[in-house]
Amino acid sequence: MFKRMFWLGIGATLGFSTSWWVTRTVRQKIERYMPQQLTSSLATKARSVRGDVRAAIADGRQAMHEQEGILRAQIETRYAPKRGSA
């Protein structure tokens, strides 16, 4: 008789605690995806992406100017009048 009461108590405790944990987890997930939370997280991500895009554009422009300098130097050496031949 005591063995049955013990296992009944264990089962009831596990059932109640599991039910409480699942309920709490589901509520946290619902709160995370509420419109206010969603918009604030999207705004934060948008700011982060905007900063990354600006940095990428700046790096691209710098690389473009460096490559343009290299190409202009090559053109000048190729088409510059040779010294001593006049």
Protein backbone atom coordinates (compact mmCIF):
# COMPACT_ATOMS: atom_id res chain seq x y z
CA MET A 1 0.00 0.00 0.00
CA PHE A 2 2.80 2.43 0.87
CA LYS A 3 4.60 1.58 -2.36
CA ARG A 4 1.53 2.57 -4.39
CA MET A 5 1.11 5.81 -2.46
CA PHE A 6 4.81 6.62 -2.96
CA TRP A 7 4.64 6.15 -6.73
CA LEU A 8 1.36 8.02 -6.92
CA GLY A 9 3.03 10.96 -5.15
CA ILE A 10 6.05 10.78 -7.47
CA GLY A 11 3.80 10.70 -10.56
CA ALA A 12 1.67 13.59 -9.34
CA THR A 13 4.76 15.67 -8.53
CA LEU A 14 6.32 14.98 -11.92
CA GLY A 15 3.04 15.74 -13.69
CA PHE A 16 2.51 19.05 -11.91
CA SER A 17 6.10 20.19 -12.32
CA THR A 18 6.20 19.25 -16.01
CA SER A 19 2.90 21.05 -16.59
CA TRP A 20 4.21 24.15 -14.82
CA TRP A 21 7.48 24.11 -16.81
CA VAL A 22 5.70 23.71 -20.17
CA THR A 23 3.26 26.51 -19.34
CA ARG A 24 6.09 28.85 -18.34
CA THR A 25 8.12 28.03 -21.47
CA VAL A 26 5.15 28.60 -23.77
CA ARG A 27 4.36 31.95 -22.13
CA GLN A 28 7.97 33.07 -22.57
CA LYS A 29 7.88 32.14 -26.26
CA ILE A 30 4.59 34.01 -26.75
CA GLU A 31 5.97 37.12 -25.02
CA ARG A 32 9.10 36.98 -27.15
CA TYR A 33 7.08 37.13 -30.36
CA MET A 34 4.60 39.78 -29.27
CA PRO A 35 4.52 42.77 -31.65
CA GLN A 36 6.46 45.11 -29.33
CA GLN A 37 9.26 42.64 -28.82
CA LEU A 38 9.31 41.75 -32.49
CA THR A 39 9.54 45.35 -33.68
CA SER A 40 12.30 46.25 -31.23
CA SER A 41 14.38 43.25 -32.23
CA LEU A 42 13.83 44.00 -35.92
CA ALA A 43 14.87 47.61 -35.42
CA THR A 44 18.05 46.52 -33.67
CA LYS A 45 18.88 44.08 -36.46
CA ALA A 46 18.16 46.71 -39.11
CA ARG A 47 20.58 49.13 -37.45
CA SER A 48 23.22 46.43 -37.34
CA VAL A 49 22.74 45.57 -41.02
CA ARG A 50 22.80 49.25 -41.97
CA GLY A 51 26.16 49.67 -40.24
CA ASP A 52 27.52 46.58 -41.97
CA VAL A 53 26.38 47.82 -45.37
CA ARG A 54 27.96 51.23 -44.81
CA ALA A 55 31.25 49.60 -43.83
CA ALA A 56 31.15 47.36 -46.90
CA ILE A 57 30.50 50.33 -49.18
CA ALA A 58 33.39 52.27 -47.63
CA ASP A 59 35.72 49.30 -48.08
CA GLY A 60 34.57 48.90 -51.69
CA ARG A 61 35.19 52.55 -52.46
CA GLN A 62 38.65 52.42 -50.94
CA ALA A 63 39.52 49.32 -52.98
CA MET A 64 38.11 50.99 -56.09
CA HIS A 65 40.30 54.07 -55.62
CA GLU A 66 43.40 51.93 -55.04
CA GLN A 67 42.71 49.86 -58.16
CA GLU A 68 42.06 53.02 -60.18
CA GLY A 69 45.44 54.40 -59.09
CA ILE A 70 47.15 51.18 -60.15
CA LEU A 71 45.42 51.21 -63.55
CA ARG A 72 46.23 54.88 -64.16
CA ALA A 73 49.88 54.22 -63.32
CA GLN A 74 49.95 51.34 -65.81
CA ILE A 75 48.41 53.51 -68.52
CA GLU A 76 50.89 56.30 -67.88
CA THR A 77 53.86 53.97 -68.13
CA ARG A 78 52.51 52.32 -71.27
CA TYR A 79 51.64 55.47 -73.20
CA ALA A 80 54.16 57.93 -71.79
CA PRO A 81 56.56 59.30 -74.38
CA LYS A 82 59.90 57.59 -74.16
CA ARG A 83 62.72 59.82 -73.04
CA GLY A 84 65.60 60.33 -75.36
CA SER A 85 63.61 59.71 -78.52
CA ALA A 86 62.87 63.11 -79.89
